[in-house]
């Protein structure tokens, strides 16, 4: 029996839903408000469309506190959208102009005691790429033997950390829509970086500044660097 392509085709065929799906092709999760803006509809209308896309298996939804973030449900969905992209009208970018303060918060900030923003995501990615952390079930990270030794060199004894929700957790970053390191290990790592003078918390707000010493240290330890404007490299 042939696959019933009518159902997903009908969902994709609606201009609003198609715009939302295209806006999610970069792989990042997005909140309903951002997708409503990208598709040019109200929040209420976006909610209805997003519910249909989730029910139809084209999107998955992830809860982070009081918020919901949406992403493409699978690589197959992404491939289907990509195949249609040649004839699909471009949607408005989800990126909007930001003030210097907002850009600083996106680059690096303190999130409930751990490092977030572009820098936080890059550090988490680097820890995984180097085999120090591995993604685990229930939005957690498992710390490898190499990771325990690496954190130990920073004065962080992983074995002494404990939490019912996990020592190392994956926290969905609200600006990057990707995960950074949270939990007791994330808190200890940010504290260790601040103690060494690699990061400095701005006097007002949650923005975190990467110092000259931090540039050298993080580039050497994790390959995390800055772009030409002094901001965290993408």
Protein backbone atom coordinates (compact mmCIF):
# COMPACT_ATOMS: atom_id res chain seq x y z
CA UNK A 1 0.00 0.00 0.00
CA UNK A 2 1.36 3.40 -0.99
CA UNK A 3 2.15 5.95 1.70
CA UNK A 4 -0.56 8.52 2.30
CA UNK A 5 1.26 11.70 1.31
CA UNK A 6 -1.93 13.77 1.31
CA UNK A 7 -1.87 14.44 5.05
CA UNK A 8 1.66 15.91 5.35
CA UNK A 9 1.24 17.61 1.98
CA UNK A 10 -1.89 19.38 3.23
CA UNK A 11 -0.06 20.55 6.35
CA UNK A 12 2.93 21.82 4.39
CA UNK A 13 0.71 23.35 1.71
CA UNK A 14 -0.69 26.03 3.98
CA UNK A 15 1.40 29.23 3.51
CA UNK A 16 1.57 29.98 7.26
CA UNK A 17 2.63 26.48 8.23
CA UNK A 18 5.09 26.31 5.32
CA UNK A 19 6.71 29.54 6.52
CA UNK A 20 7.02 28.16 10.03
CA UNK A 21 8.60 24.95 8.79
CA UNK A 22 11.08 26.88 6.65
CA UNK A 23 11.99 29.08 9.61
CA UNK A 24 12.98 25.95 11.56
CA UNK A 25 15.30 24.53 8.92
CA UNK A 26 18.43 25.71 10.69
CA UNK A 27 17.85 23.00 13.31
CA UNK A 28 17.24 25.36 16.22
CA UNK A 29 14.12 25.22 18.35
CA UNK A 30 11.97 28.34 18.36
CA UNK A 31 9.17 29.66 20.58
CA UNK A 32 5.69 30.26 19.18
CA UNK A 33 6.20 34.03 19.22
CA UNK A 34 9.22 33.89 16.93
CA UNK A 35 7.42 31.56 14.53
CA UNK A 36 4.35 33.80 14.53
CA UNK A 37 6.59 36.74 13.58
CA UNK A 38 8.30 34.75 10.83
CA UNK A 39 4.95 33.71 9.35
CA UNK A 40 3.31 37.12 9.82
CA UNK A 41 0.38 35.95 11.95
CA UNK A 42 -0.96 36.58 15.43
CA UNK A 43 0.11 34.52 18.43
CA UNK A 44 -3.33 32.87 18.61
CA UNK A 45 -3.25 31.89 14.95
CA UNK A 46 0.30 30.58 15.34
CA UNK A 47 -0.77 28.41 18.26
CA UNK A 48 -3.46 26.74 16.17
CA UNK A 49 -1.08 26.06 13.29
CA UNK A 50 1.64 24.74 15.58
CA UNK A 51 -0.81 22.34 17.24
CA UNK A 52 -1.71 20.90 13.86
CA UNK A 53 1.93 20.51 12.88
CA UNK A 54 2.71 18.69 16.13
CA UNK A 55 -0.35 16.44 15.78
CA UNK A 56 0.64 15.72 12.19
CA UNK A 57 4.13 14.60 13.20
CA UNK A 58 6.00 17.39 11.42
CA UNK A 59 7.08 19.23 14.57
CA UNK A 60 8.10 18.20 18.06
CA UNK A 61 7.74 20.42 21.11
CA UNK A 62 10.10 20.78 24.06
CA UNK A 63 9.21 22.38 27.38
CA UNK A 64 11.75 24.51 29.21
CA UNK A 65 10.21 25.92 32.36
CA UNK A 66 7.06 27.81 31.41
CA UNK A 67 8.02 28.01 27.75
CA UNK A 68 7.53 25.73 24.76
CA UNK A 69 10.02 25.45 21.93
CA UNK A 70 9.27 23.87 18.56
CA UNK A 71 11.60 22.11 16.14
CA UNK A 72 11.31 19.87 13.08
CA UNK A 73 10.34 16.38 14.19
CA UNK A 74 12.95 14.52 12.16
CA UNK A 75 15.59 14.70 9.46
CA UNK A 76 13.01 13.35 7.02
CA UNK A 77 10.83 16.40 7.58
CA UNK A 78 13.81 18.66 6.99
CA UNK A 79 14.64 16.84 3.76
CA UNK A 80 11.07 17.20 2.54
CA UNK A 81 11.07 20.93 3.21
CA UNK A 82 14.47 21.34 1.60
CA UNK A 83 13.27 19.55 -1.52
CA UNK A 84 10.47 22.13 -1.84
CA UNK A 85 12.64 25.13 -1.01
CA UNK A 86 13.41 25.95 -4.64
CA UNK A 87 9.78 26.97 -5.21
CA UNK A 88 8.97 28.26 -1.71
CA UNK A 89 8.92 32.00 -1.04
CA UNK A 90 11.58 33.16 1.46
CA UNK A 91 10.37 33.91 4.97
CA UNK A 92 11.48 36.80 7.14
CA UNK A 93 14.57 36.06 9.19
CA UNK A 94 14.09 35.25 12.84
CA UNK A 95 17.07 37.49 13.57
CA UNK A 96 16.05 41.05 14.48
CA UNK A 97 18.24 44.07 15.23
CA UNK A 98 19.46 44.05 18.85
CA UNK A 99 20.71 46.77 21.14
CA UNK A 100 24.30 46.54 22.46
CA UNK A 101 22.90 45.28 25.77
CA UNK A 102 20.83 42.60 24.04
CA UNK A 103 23.79 41.54 21.89
CA UNK A 104 25.94 41.23 25.00
CA UNK A 105 23.32 39.02 26.64
CA UNK A 106 23.16 36.83 23.58
CA UNK A 107 26.94 36.47 23.42
CA UNK A 108 27.38 35.36 27.04
CA UNK A 109 25.27 35.60 30.17
CA UNK A 110 24.66 33.97 33.53
CA UNK A 111 21.65 31.64 33.50
CA UNK A 112 20.71 30.53 37.01
CA UNK A 113 24.39 30.31 37.94
CA UNK A 114 25.67 28.63 34.78
CA UNK A 115 27.02 29.97 31.48
CA UNK A 116 24.53 30.59 28.68
CA UNK A 117 24.36 32.40 25.35
CA UNK A 118 26.58 31.80 22.34
CA UNK A 119 29.60 31.21 24.54
CA UNK A 120 27.75 28.75 26.77
CA UNK A 121 26.55 26.76 23.78
CA UNK A 122 30.04 26.74 22.23
CA UNK A 123 31.59 25.52 25.49
CA UNK A 124 29.01 22.73 25.81
CA UNK A 125 29.53 21.71 22.18
CA UNK A 126 33.30 21.65 22.67
CA UNK A 127 33.01 19.50 25.80
CA UNK A 128 30.94 16.98 23.84
CA UNK A 129 33.21 17.08 20.77
CA UNK A 130 36.24 16.35 22.95
CA UNK A 131 34.56 13.41 24.64
CA UNK A 132 34.40 15.04 28.06
CA UNK A 133 30.59 14.95 28.12
CA UNK A 134 28.15 12.74 26.25
CA UNK A 135 24.43 13.47 25.78
CA UNK A 136 22.26 11.14 27.87
CA UNK A 137 18.57 10.47 28.46
CA UNK A 138 16.25 12.88 30.27
CA UNK A 139 18.10 15.95 28.96
CA UNK A 140 21.26 15.10 30.86
CA UNK A 141 24.95 14.86 30.08
CA UNK A 142 27.07 11.94 31.24
CA UNK A 143 30.58 12.88 32.39
CA UNK A 144 33.23 10.57 30.94
CA UNK A 145 36.40 9.45 32.73
CA UNK A 146 38.33 11.95 30.59
CA UNK A 147 35.80 14.58 31.58
CA UNK A 148 36.22 13.90 35.29
CA UNK A 149 39.97 14.35 34.91
CA UNK A 150 39.52 17.54 32.85
CA UNK A 151 37.13 19.10 35.35
CA UNK A 152 39.40 17.96 38.18
CA UNK A 153 42.22 20.06 36.73
CA UNK A 154 39.93 23.06 37.17
CA UNK A 155 39.37 22.11 40.81
CA UNK A 156 35.93 20.59 40.20
CA UNK A 157 35.47 17.14 41.75
CA UNK A 158 32.55 15.68 39.83
CA UNK A 159 32.13 12.80 42.30
CA UNK A 160 31.20 15.25 45.05
CA UNK A 161 28.34 16.80 43.07
CA UNK A 162 24.80 15.52 43.41
CA UNK A 163 21.33 16.52 42.27
CA UNK A 164 18.06 14.58 41.82
CA UNK A 165 17.76 16.12 38.35
CA UNK A 166 21.30 15.19 37.34
CA UNK A 167 24.78 16.59 37.93
CA UNK A 168 25.06 17.82 34.33
CA UNK A 169 21.93 18.84 32.45
CA UNK A 170 21.12 20.04 28.95
CA UNK A 171 19.41 23.42 29.19
CA UNK A 172 17.82 24.79 26.03
CA UNK A 173 19.29 28.24 25.43
CA UNK A 174 16.56 30.83 24.88
CA UNK A 175 18.57 32.87 22.37
CA UNK A 176 20.49 30.10 20.57
CA UNK A 177 17.75 27.41 20.74
CA UNK A 178 20.49 24.86 21.42
CA UNK A 179 21.66 23.30 24.65
CA UNK A 180 24.22 24.62 27.09
CA UNK A 181 25.55 22.96 30.26
CA UNK A 182 23.39 23.38 33.37
CA UNK A 183 23.10 21.64 36.74
CA UNK A 184 25.67 21.62 39.55
CA UNK A 185 28.50 20.95 37.10
CA UNK A 186 27.52 23.95 34.99
CA UNK A 187 27.40 26.16 38.08
CA UNK A 188 30.82 24.95 39.24
CA UNK A 189 32.32 25.47 35.77
CA UNK A 190 31.14 29.08 35.57
CA UNK A 191 32.42 29.71 39.11
CA UNK A 192 35.82 28.22 38.22
CA UNK A 193 36.08 30.38 35.11
CA UNK A 194 35.23 33.50 37.08
CA UNK A 195 37.70 32.64 39.85
CA UNK A 196 40.46 32.34 37.26
CA UNK A 197 39.56 35.69 35.73
CA UNK A 198 38.46 34.18 32.42
CA UNK A 199 34.95 35.55 32.71
CA UNK A 200 33.67 38.70 34.39
CA UNK A 201 30.04 39.28 35.31
CA UNK A 202 28.93 42.78 34.31
CA UNK A 203 28.01 45.08 37.20
CA UNK A 204 24.39 45.38 36.08
CA UNK A 205 22.36 42.60 34.54
CA UNK A 206 23.33 39.04 33.59
CA UNK A 207 25.82 39.71 30.81
CA UNK A 208 29.18 37.94 31.13
CA UNK A 209 32.35 39.32 29.54
CA UNK A 210 35.11 37.07 28.21
CA UNK A 211 38.41 38.60 29.39
CA UNK A 212 41.75 38.64 27.58
CA UNK A 213 42.93 35.81 29.85
CA UNK A 214 39.74 33.93 29.08
CA UNK A 215 40.27 34.26 25.35
CA UNK A 216 43.66 32.54 25.65
CA UNK A 217 42.46 29.90 28.12
CA UNK A 218 39.29 28.87 26.32
CA UNK A 219 40.96 28.83 22.94
CA UNK A 220 43.68 26.58 24.30
CA UNK A 221 41.42 24.27 26.32
CA UNK A 222 38.35 24.02 24.11
CA UNK A 223 39.04 25.85 20.85
CA UNK A 224 36.45 28.51 21.71
CA UNK A 225 37.37 31.87 20.18
CA UNK A 226 36.12 35.32 19.25
CA UNK A 227 35.24 36.88 15.91
CA UNK A 228 36.82 40.01 14.51
CA UNK A 229 34.45 42.29 16.43
CA UNK A 230 35.46 40.80 19.77
CA UNK A 231 32.22 38.87 20.08
CA UNK A 232 31.89 35.13 20.59
CA UNK A 233 32.60 33.42 17.30
CA UNK A 234 29.67 31.59 15.75
